[in-house]
N, C-alpha and C. Protein backbone atom coordinates (compact mmCIF):
# COMPACT_ATOMS: atom_id res chain seq x y z
N UNK A 1 -113.20 -73.04 -90.94
CA UNK A 1 -114.37 -72.15 -90.58
C UNK A 1 -115.64 -73.35 -90.73
N UNK A 2 -116.52 -72.26 -89.26
CA UNK A 2 -117.53 -73.27 -89.43
C UNK A 2 -118.79 -72.58 -90.11
N UNK A 3 -119.72 -73.06 -90.57
CA UNK A 3 -120.76 -72.24 -91.14
C UNK A 3 -121.99 -72.43 -90.35
N UNK A 4 -121.95 -71.28 -89.56
CA UNK A 4 -122.98 -70.88 -89.16
C UNK A 4 -123.98 -69.99 -89.38
N UNK A 5 -124.97 -69.87 -88.88
CA UNK A 5 -126.23 -69.37 -89.05
C UNK A 5 -126.44 -67.95 -90.19
N UNK A 6 -125.36 -67.19 -89.36
CA UNK A 6 -125.41 -65.72 -89.90
C UNK A 6 -124.27 -65.89 -91.69
N UNK A 7 -123.20 -66.77 -91.40
CA UNK A 7 -122.72 -66.65 -92.98
C UNK A 7 -123.63 -67.65 -93.58
N UNK A 8 -124.38 -68.70 -93.46
CA UNK A 8 -125.05 -68.59 -94.18
C UNK A 8 -125.95 -67.73 -94.76
N UNK A 9 -127.04 -67.34 -94.01
CA UNK A 9 -127.60 -66.13 -94.51
C UNK A 9 -127.01 -64.85 -95.52
N UNK A 10 -125.75 -64.79 -94.90
CA UNK A 10 -125.12 -63.51 -95.67
C UNK A 10 -124.61 -64.52 -97.47
N UNK A 11 -124.27 -65.43 -96.94
CA UNK A 11 -124.26 -66.46 -98.25
C UNK A 11 -125.24 -66.21 -99.37
N UNK A 12 -126.50 -66.42 -98.96
CA UNK A 12 -127.74 -67.15 -99.21
C UNK A 12 -128.39 -65.20 -100.04
N UNK A 13 -128.49 -64.38 -99.46
CA UNK A 13 -128.52 -62.83 -99.58
C UNK A 13 -127.11 -62.59 -100.82
N UNK A 14 -126.17 -63.20 -100.92
CA UNK A 14 -125.53 -62.86 -101.83
C UNK A 14 -125.85 -63.33 -103.03
N UNK A 15 -125.90 -64.63 -103.06
CA UNK A 15 -126.52 -65.67 -103.86
C UNK A 15 -128.19 -64.85 -104.47
N UNK A 16 -128.82 -64.05 -103.77
CA UNK A 16 -130.17 -63.87 -104.38
C UNK A 16 -130.09 -62.63 -105.24
N UNK A 17 -129.45 -61.68 -104.24
CA UNK A 17 -128.94 -60.56 -105.32
C UNK A 17 -128.10 -60.53 -106.57
N UNK A 18 -127.05 -61.83 -106.30
CA UNK A 18 -126.21 -61.98 -107.88
C UNK A 18 -126.77 -62.47 -108.61
N UNK A 19 -128.59 -63.11 -108.63
CA UNK A 19 -128.89 -64.03 -109.56
C UNK A 19 -129.84 -62.96 -109.92
N UNK A 20 -130.34 -61.70 -109.03
CA UNK A 20 -131.22 -60.98 -109.60
C UNK A 20 -130.65 -59.51 -110.79
N UNK A 21 -129.13 -59.68 -110.56
CA UNK A 21 -128.60 -58.95 -111.12
C UNK A 21 -127.88 -59.77 -112.29
N UNK A 22 -127.68 -60.74 -112.22
CA UNK A 22 -127.23 -61.80 -113.56
C UNK A 22 -128.66 -61.99 -114.57
N UNK A 23 -129.81 -61.85 -114.29
CA UNK A 23 -130.88 -62.11 -115.08
C UNK A 23 -131.46 -60.83 -115.49
N UNK A 24 -131.01 -59.36 -114.93
CA UNK A 24 -131.27 -58.27 -115.20
C UNK A 24 -131.03 -57.77 -116.33
N UNK A 25 -129.37 -58.59 -116.49
CA UNK A 25 -128.73 -57.94 -117.94
C UNK A 25 -129.41 -59.24 -119.39
N UNK A 26 -130.34 -59.83 -119.23
CA UNK A 26 -130.96 -60.82 -120.14
C UNK A 26 -132.32 -59.86 -120.40
N UNK A 27 -132.49 -58.74 -119.49
CA UNK A 27 -133.75 -58.04 -119.84
C UNK A 27 -133.34 -56.75 -121.03
N UNK A 28 -134.89 -56.35 -121.06
CA UNK A 28 -133.91 -54.80 -122.12
C UNK A 28 -133.75 -54.09 -121.02
N UNK A 29 -133.37 -52.83 -122.00
CA UNK A 29 -132.21 -51.59 -121.28
C UNK A 29 -133.30 -50.99 -120.15
N UNK A 30 -134.31 -51.29 -120.26
CA UNK A 30 -136.02 -49.78 -119.23
C UNK A 30 -135.69 -51.37 -118.66
N UNK A 31 -136.60 -52.43 -118.97
CA UNK A 31 -136.91 -53.66 -117.75
C UNK A 31 -135.56 -53.73 -116.81
N UNK A 32 -134.38 -53.64 -117.10
CA UNK A 32 -133.58 -54.33 -116.55
C UNK A 32 -132.80 -52.84 -115.13
N UNK A 33 -133.62 -51.85 -115.76
CA UNK A 33 -133.17 -50.32 -114.78
C UNK A 33 -133.03 -50.68 -113.26
N UNK A 34 -134.29 -51.07 -112.48
CA UNK A 34 -134.52 -51.27 -111.31
C UNK A 34 -134.19 -52.39 -110.64
N UNK A 35 -134.24 -53.74 -111.73
CA UNK A 35 -133.48 -54.85 -110.48
C UNK A 35 -131.92 -54.49 -110.49
N UNK A 36 -131.16 -53.75 -111.48
CA UNK A 36 -130.13 -53.56 -111.15
C UNK A 36 -129.34 -52.24 -110.68
N UNK A 37 -130.48 -51.08 -110.50
CA UNK A 37 -130.43 -50.70 -109.39
C UNK A 37 -130.43 -50.72 -107.95
N UNK A 38 -131.54 -52.07 -107.56
CA UNK A 38 -131.56 -52.47 -106.46
C UNK A 38 -130.03 -53.75 -106.29
N UNK A 39 -130.20 -54.31 -107.00
CA UNK A 39 -129.43 -55.76 -107.01
C UNK A 39 -127.67 -55.52 -107.25
N UNK A 40 -126.89 -54.15 -107.78
CA UNK A 40 -125.55 -54.05 -107.86
C UNK A 40 -125.51 -53.79 -106.18
N UNK A 41 -126.16 -52.48 -105.67
CA UNK A 41 -125.58 -51.64 -104.22
C UNK A 41 -126.10 -53.42 -103.26
N UNK A 42 -127.02 -53.86 -103.79
CA UNK A 42 -127.53 -55.25 -102.92
C UNK A 42 -126.13 -56.16 -102.55
N UNK A 43 -125.70 -56.57 -103.71
CA UNK A 43 -125.20 -57.75 -103.94
C UNK A 43 -123.69 -57.47 -103.22
N UNK A 44 -122.85 -55.42 -103.60
CA UNK A 44 -121.82 -55.52 -102.63
C UNK A 44 -121.87 -55.57 -101.29
N UNK A 45 -122.81 -54.70 -100.86
CA UNK A 45 -123.42 -55.13 -99.45
C UNK A 45 -123.56 -56.50 -98.70
N UNK A 46 -124.07 -57.18 -99.52
CA UNK A 46 -124.14 -58.87 -99.08
C UNK A 46 -122.47 -59.24 -99.01
N UNK A 47 -121.80 -58.79 -100.16
CA UNK A 47 -120.55 -59.39 -100.05
C UNK A 47 -119.76 -59.25 -99.20
N UNK A 48 -119.39 -57.50 -98.58
CA UNK A 48 -119.25 -57.31 -97.33
C UNK A 48 -119.30 -57.46 -96.09
N UNK A 49 -121.32 -57.95 -96.31
CA UNK A 49 -121.60 -58.92 -94.84
C UNK A 49 -121.13 -60.38 -95.09
N UNK A 50 -120.61 -60.91 -96.29
CA UNK A 50 -120.35 -62.16 -95.76
C UNK A 50 -118.76 -62.48 -95.67
N UNK A 51 -118.16 -61.57 -96.22
CA UNK A 51 -116.93 -61.34 -96.01
C UNK A 51 -116.27 -60.97 -94.17
N UNK A 52 -117.35 -60.22 -93.62
CA UNK A 52 -117.22 -59.87 -92.26
C UNK A 52 -117.44 -60.64 -91.59
N UNK A 53 -119.15 -61.71 -91.87
CA UNK A 53 -119.05 -63.09 -91.00
C UNK A 53 -117.90 -63.92 -91.30
N UNK A 54 -117.55 -63.99 -92.02
CA UNK A 54 -116.13 -65.23 -92.46
C UNK A 54 -115.19 -64.89 -91.67
N UNK A 55 -114.54 -63.56 -91.65
CA UNK A 55 -113.73 -63.39 -90.65
C UNK A 55 -113.68 -63.31 -89.21
N UNK A 56 -115.43 -63.06 -88.75
CA UNK A 56 -115.77 -63.83 -87.80
C UNK A 56 -115.58 -64.60 -87.19
N UNK A 57 -116.71 -65.63 -87.30
CA UNK A 57 -116.48 -67.14 -87.78
C UNK A 57 -114.97 -67.52 -87.81
N UNK A 58 -114.18 -67.18 -88.59
CA UNK A 58 -112.84 -68.02 -88.21
C UNK A 58 -111.85 -67.11 -87.12
N UNK A 59 -111.92 -66.07 -86.65
CA UNK A 59 -111.26 -65.93 -85.20
C UNK A 59 -112.03 -66.35 -84.27
N UNK A 60 -113.47 -66.92 -84.78
CA UNK A 60 -113.98 -67.28 -83.07
C UNK A 60 -114.29 -66.14 -82.38
N UNK A 61 -114.97 -64.88 -82.85
CA UNK A 61 -115.04 -63.83 -82.22
C UNK A 61 -116.90 -64.16 -81.95
N UNK A 62 -117.40 -64.64 -82.07
CA UNK A 62 -119.29 -64.92 -82.36
C UNK A 62 -119.12 -65.93 -81.04
N UNK A 63 -119.93 -65.16 -80.13
CA UNK A 63 -120.27 -66.40 -79.50
C UNK A 63 -122.10 -66.16 -79.49
N UNK A 64 -122.19 -67.20 -80.00
CA UNK A 64 -123.48 -67.74 -80.65
C UNK A 64 -124.69 -68.30 -78.70
N UNK A 65 -125.30 -66.85 -78.67
CA UNK A 65 -126.01 -67.11 -77.67
C UNK A 65 -127.62 -66.97 -77.79
N UNK A 66 -128.76 -67.55 -76.80
CA UNK A 66 -129.82 -68.07 -77.39
C UNK A 66 -130.65 -66.08 -77.57
N UNK A 67 -129.88 -65.29 -76.48
CA UNK A 67 -130.43 -63.95 -77.00
C UNK A 67 -130.36 -63.34 -78.33
N UNK A 68 -128.95 -63.96 -79.63
CA UNK A 68 -128.64 -63.64 -80.37
C UNK A 68 -129.96 -63.76 -81.56
N UNK A 69 -130.48 -65.29 -81.29
CA UNK A 69 -131.32 -66.70 -82.18
C UNK A 69 -132.65 -65.35 -82.06
N UNK A 70 -133.21 -65.01 -81.19
CA UNK A 70 -134.56 -64.79 -80.52
C UNK A 70 -134.84 -63.38 -80.88
N UNK A 71 -133.37 -62.73 -80.72
CA UNK A 71 -133.87 -61.13 -81.69
C UNK A 71 -133.62 -60.87 -83.09
N UNK A 72 -132.77 -62.55 -83.66
CA UNK A 72 -133.42 -62.43 -85.08
C UNK A 72 -134.81 -62.91 -85.55
N UNK A 73 -135.49 -64.01 -84.45
CA UNK A 73 -137.04 -64.50 -84.55
C UNK A 73 -137.56 -63.62 -84.57
N UNK A 74 -137.28 -62.83 -83.33
CA UNK A 74 -138.19 -61.24 -83.73
C UNK A 74 -138.40 -60.42 -84.96
N UNK A 75 -137.19 -60.29 -85.48
CA UNK A 75 -136.85 -59.36 -86.61
C UNK A 75 -137.64 -60.32 -87.89
N UNK A 76 -137.67 -61.37 -87.99
CA UNK A 76 -138.34 -62.11 -89.12
C UNK A 76 -140.02 -62.00 -88.85
N UNK A 77 -140.71 -61.84 -87.49
CA UNK A 77 -141.65 -61.88 -87.10
C UNK A 77 -142.23 -60.26 -87.37
N UNK A 78 -141.49 -59.28 -87.63
CA UNK A 78 -141.64 -57.88 -87.89
C UNK A 78 -141.78 -57.80 -89.44
N UNK A 79 -140.92 -58.88 -90.25
CA UNK A 79 -140.73 -58.39 -91.16
C UNK A 79 -142.04 -58.90 -91.96
N UNK A 80 -142.41 -60.28 -91.52
CA UNK A 80 -143.27 -61.25 -91.70
C UNK A 80 -144.46 -60.07 -91.77
N UNK A 81 -145.29 -59.85 -90.30
CA UNK A 81 -145.73 -58.70 -90.04
C UNK A 81 -146.32 -57.42 -90.51
N UNK A 82 -144.86 -57.19 -91.72
CA UNK A 82 -145.01 -55.75 -92.78
C UNK A 82 -145.80 -56.51 -93.71
N UNK A 83 -145.50 -57.93 -94.11
CA UNK A 83 -145.79 -58.29 -95.44
C UNK A 83 -147.36 -58.69 -95.28
N UNK A 84 -147.49 -59.29 -94.13
CA UNK A 84 -148.96 -58.80 -93.70
C UNK A 84 -149.88 -58.07 -94.06
N UNK A 85 -149.54 -56.86 -93.43
CA UNK A 85 -149.84 -56.13 -93.09
C UNK A 85 -150.04 -55.06 -94.80
N UNK A 86 -148.90 -55.30 -95.43
CA UNK A 86 -149.13 -54.82 -97.09
C UNK A 86 -150.10 -55.40 -97.85
N UNK A 87 -150.31 -56.53 -97.13
CA UNK A 87 -151.57 -57.31 -98.27
C UNK A 87 -152.65 -57.16 -97.90
N UNK A 88 -153.76 -56.89 -96.84
CA UNK A 88 -154.04 -56.54 -95.97
C UNK A 88 -154.68 -55.18 -96.72
N UNK A 89 -153.77 -54.14 -96.28
CA UNK A 89 -154.17 -52.87 -95.82
C UNK A 89 -153.76 -51.65 -97.03
N UNK A 90 -152.18 -52.41 -97.74
CA UNK A 90 -151.61 -51.49 -98.69
C UNK A 90 -150.60 -50.75 -97.73
N UNK A 91 -149.91 -50.24 -99.08
CA UNK A 91 -148.84 -49.74 -98.85
C UNK A 91 -149.13 -48.48 -97.74
N UNK A 92 -149.89 -47.94 -98.33
CA UNK A 92 -149.82 -46.21 -97.46
C UNK A 92 -150.45 -46.18 -96.20
N UNK A 93 -151.09 -47.15 -95.88
CA UNK A 93 -151.72 -47.98 -94.22
C UNK A 93 -150.68 -48.51 -93.49
N UNK A 94 -149.99 -49.05 -94.23
CA UNK A 94 -149.17 -50.93 -93.06
C UNK A 94 -147.95 -49.82 -93.24
N UNK A 95 -147.15 -48.78 -93.90
CA UNK A 95 -146.01 -48.54 -93.91
C UNK A 95 -146.30 -47.54 -92.26
N UNK A 96 -146.51 -46.33 -92.26
CA UNK A 96 -146.81 -45.70 -91.45
C UNK A 96 -146.95 -46.38 -90.16
N UNK A 97 -148.00 -47.37 -90.19
CA UNK A 97 -148.57 -48.16 -88.91
C UNK A 97 -147.91 -49.00 -88.62
N UNK A 98 -147.03 -49.81 -89.61
CA UNK A 98 -145.61 -50.53 -88.93
C UNK A 98 -144.95 -50.07 -88.38
N UNK A 99 -144.36 -49.14 -89.01
CA UNK A 99 -143.12 -48.36 -88.41
C UNK A 99 -143.55 -47.81 -87.23
N UNK A 100 -144.65 -47.05 -86.97
CA UNK A 100 -145.55 -46.68 -85.59
C UNK A 100 -144.80 -47.50 -84.29
N UNK A 101 -145.60 -48.95 -84.79
CA UNK A 101 -145.72 -50.15 -83.82
C UNK A 101 -144.19 -50.47 -83.52
N UNK A 102 -143.46 -50.53 -84.67
CA UNK A 102 -141.73 -51.17 -84.41
C UNK A 102 -141.50 -50.08 -83.50
N UNK A 103 -141.55 -49.31 -83.79
CA UNK A 103 -140.62 -47.69 -82.91
C UNK A 103 -141.17 -48.04 -81.59
N UNK A 104 -142.15 -48.07 -81.42
CA UNK A 104 -143.14 -48.08 -80.05
C UNK A 104 -143.01 -49.10 -79.01
N UNK A 105 -143.34 -50.54 -79.97
CA UNK A 105 -142.86 -51.60 -79.28
C UNK A 105 -141.92 -52.08 -78.90
N UNK A 106 -140.86 -52.47 -80.20
CA UNK A 106 -139.76 -52.95 -80.18
C UNK A 106 -138.71 -51.97 -79.46
N UNK A 107 -138.40 -50.97 -80.35
CA UNK A 107 -137.39 -50.13 -79.93
C UNK A 107 -137.99 -49.34 -78.94
N UNK A 108 -138.94 -49.16 -78.17
CA UNK A 108 -139.27 -48.42 -76.88
C UNK A 108 -139.21 -46.91 -77.15
N UNK A 109 -139.75 -46.61 -78.22
CA UNK A 109 -139.39 -44.83 -78.28
C UNK A 109 -140.74 -44.28 -77.71
N UNK A 110 -140.39 -43.11 -77.36
CA UNK A 110 -141.90 -42.32 -76.82
C UNK A 110 -143.04 -42.43 -78.12
N UNK A 111 -144.32 -42.25 -77.62
CA UNK A 111 -144.85 -41.93 -78.84
C UNK A 111 -145.14 -40.84 -79.28
N UNK A 112 -144.56 -39.76 -79.02
CA UNK A 112 -144.69 -38.81 -79.86
C UNK A 112 -143.56 -38.88 -80.68
N UNK A 113 -142.50 -39.75 -80.61
CA UNK A 113 -141.53 -39.73 -81.86
C UNK A 113 -141.52 -40.81 -82.45
N UNK A 114 -142.44 -41.66 -81.96
CA UNK A 114 -143.03 -43.23 -83.28
C UNK A 114 -143.77 -42.37 -84.03
N UNK A 115 -144.52 -41.36 -83.57
CA UNK A 115 -146.21 -40.77 -84.34
C UNK A 115 -145.18 -39.84 -85.21
N UNK A 116 -144.30 -39.00 -85.33
CA UNK A 116 -143.65 -38.64 -85.96
C UNK A 116 -142.89 -38.94 -87.29
N UNK A 117 -141.85 -40.10 -87.26
CA UNK A 117 -141.14 -40.59 -87.81
C UNK A 117 -142.45 -41.41 -88.93
N UNK A 118 -143.58 -41.66 -88.23
CA UNK A 118 -144.73 -42.62 -89.19
C UNK A 118 -145.32 -41.68 -89.68
N UNK A 119 -145.46 -40.60 -89.48
CA UNK A 119 -145.87 -39.22 -90.45
C UNK A 119 -144.99 -38.88 -91.48
N UNK A 120 -143.80 -38.64 -91.24
CA UNK A 120 -142.65 -38.79 -91.81
C UNK A 120 -142.96 -39.95 -93.20
N UNK A 121 -142.92 -40.75 -92.53
CA UNK A 121 -142.39 -41.79 -93.74
C UNK A 121 -143.81 -41.99 -94.56
N UNK A 122 -145.04 -41.33 -93.91
CA UNK A 122 -146.29 -41.35 -94.38
C UNK A 122 -145.93 -40.73 -95.78
N UNK A 123 -145.43 -39.36 -95.38
CA UNK A 123 -145.09 -38.34 -96.25
C UNK A 123 -144.63 -38.27 -97.41
N UNK A 124 -142.97 -39.19 -97.14
CA UNK A 124 -141.89 -39.50 -97.87
C UNK A 124 -142.42 -40.26 -98.89
N UNK A 125 -143.30 -41.61 -98.36
CA UNK A 125 -143.75 -42.75 -99.73
C UNK A 125 -145.00 -41.96 -100.75
N UNK A 126 -145.71 -41.65 -99.55
CA UNK A 126 -146.99 -40.36 -100.83
C UNK A 126 -146.01 -39.35 -101.44
N UNK A 127 -145.45 -38.69 -101.16
CA UNK A 127 -144.48 -37.84 -101.86
C UNK A 127 -144.07 -38.12 -103.17
N UNK A 128 -142.95 -39.38 -102.61
CA UNK A 128 -142.11 -39.90 -103.85
C UNK A 128 -142.90 -40.44 -104.30
N UNK A 129 -144.03 -41.84 -104.27
CA UNK A 129 -144.06 -42.67 -105.33
C UNK A 129 -146.08 -41.73 -105.82
N UNK A 130 -146.80 -41.39 -105.05
CA UNK A 130 -148.15 -40.86 -105.44
C UNK A 130 -148.07 -39.45 -106.24
N UNK A 131 -147.18 -38.87 -105.55
CA UNK A 131 -147.71 -37.46 -105.96
C UNK A 131 -146.37 -36.95 -107.00
N UNK A 132 -144.73 -37.31 -107.12
CA UNK A 132 -143.57 -37.49 -107.42
C UNK A 132 -144.12 -38.27 -109.11
N UNK A 133 -143.82 -39.44 -108.95
CA UNK A 133 -143.71 -40.58 -109.88
C UNK A 133 -145.02 -40.89 -110.25
N UNK A 134 -146.24 -40.71 -109.85
CA UNK A 134 -147.57 -40.86 -109.72
C UNK A 134 -147.73 -42.47 -110.13
N UNK A 135 -147.21 -42.85 -109.30
CA UNK A 135 -147.19 -44.06 -109.05
C UNK A 135 -148.52 -44.61 -108.38
N UNK A 136 -149.04 -45.63 -108.13
CA UNK A 136 -150.21 -46.11 -107.57
C UNK A 136 -149.86 -47.17 -107.18
N UNK A 137 -149.83 -46.99 -105.44
CA UNK A 137 -149.20 -48.03 -105.11
C UNK A 137 -150.14 -49.28 -104.58
N UNK A 138 -149.92 -50.40 -104.16
CA UNK A 138 -151.02 -51.36 -104.13
C UNK A 138 -152.09 -51.08 -102.97
N UNK A 139 -153.18 -51.17 -103.23
CA UNK A 139 -154.15 -50.71 -102.08
C UNK A 139 -154.80 -51.43 -100.89
N UNK A 140 -154.50 -52.87 -101.32
CA UNK A 140 -154.91 -54.03 -100.44
C UNK A 140 -155.63 -54.26 -100.25
N UNK A 141 -156.13 -55.78 -99.63
CA UNK A 141 -157.31 -56.44 -99.64
C UNK A 141 -158.66 -55.75 -99.27
N UNK A 142 -158.07 -55.17 -97.96
CA UNK A 142 -159.30 -54.49 -96.90
C UNK A 142 -159.94 -53.52 -97.24
N UNK A 143 -158.38 -52.45 -97.81
CA UNK A 143 -158.84 -51.05 -97.73
C UNK A 143 -160.26 -50.68 -98.76
N UNK A 144 -160.46 -51.06 -100.03
CA UNK A 144 -161.75 -50.99 -100.67
C UNK A 144 -162.88 -51.62 -100.04
N UNK A 145 -163.06 -52.56 -99.29
CA UNK A 145 -163.75 -52.89 -98.46
C UNK A 145 -164.38 -52.13 -97.71
N UNK A 146 -163.41 -51.74 -96.81
CA UNK A 146 -163.76 -50.68 -95.81
C UNK A 146 -164.30 -48.96 -96.14
N UNK A 147 -163.45 -48.74 -97.44
CA UNK A 147 -164.01 -47.32 -98.02
C UNK A 147 -165.10 -48.06 -98.36
N UNK A 148 -165.92 -48.87 -99.15
CA UNK A 148 -166.82 -48.96 -99.59
C UNK A 148 -168.17 -48.77 -98.52
N UNK A 149 -167.98 -49.31 -97.88
CA UNK A 149 -168.76 -49.10 -96.00
C UNK A 149 -168.90 -47.94 -95.64
N UNK A 150 -167.79 -47.23 -95.82
CA UNK A 150 -167.81 -45.51 -95.42
C UNK A 150 -168.35 -44.96 -96.34
N UNK A 151 -168.57 -45.79 -97.44
CA UNK A 151 -168.77 -44.83 -98.77
C UNK A 151 -167.84 -43.91 -99.24
N UNK A 152 -166.59 -44.14 -99.33
CA UNK A 152 -165.05 -43.29 -99.59
C UNK A 152 -164.68 -44.08 -100.96
N UNK A 153 -165.40 -45.28 -101.23
CA UNK A 153 -165.10 -45.98 -102.76
C UNK A 153 -165.42 -45.60 -104.02
């Protein structure tokens, strides 16, 4: 078996999720709930992906192409862009903005569909976290400054 990038990444993600689950067992019950809810399904899905990647690498079915590497770097760029946008603008602004941008420019969806999905994402995030759970999401570094300029803060 050759260790290609996909097998390595699947193994790395399996290790990260596994470590999260293992660490959660040392927490009190209430603190361990969220890491276990995220970590256990994540570990299972990563193990399935790792098995799939190992079988594909052994069978030689993977034809590593420059196009695949480029797509992975583009996706990595979108993830970094999302993290930076959340840091600067906060979740409520960044999530619909990046969702719209991704659907419009990367997936080449029409404006109306990208806007509709972005509005649905905003409604889902606001409805679940702000309204239902009463959890205040990160508002970003720039959002309070800009709101202060317009007298909204």
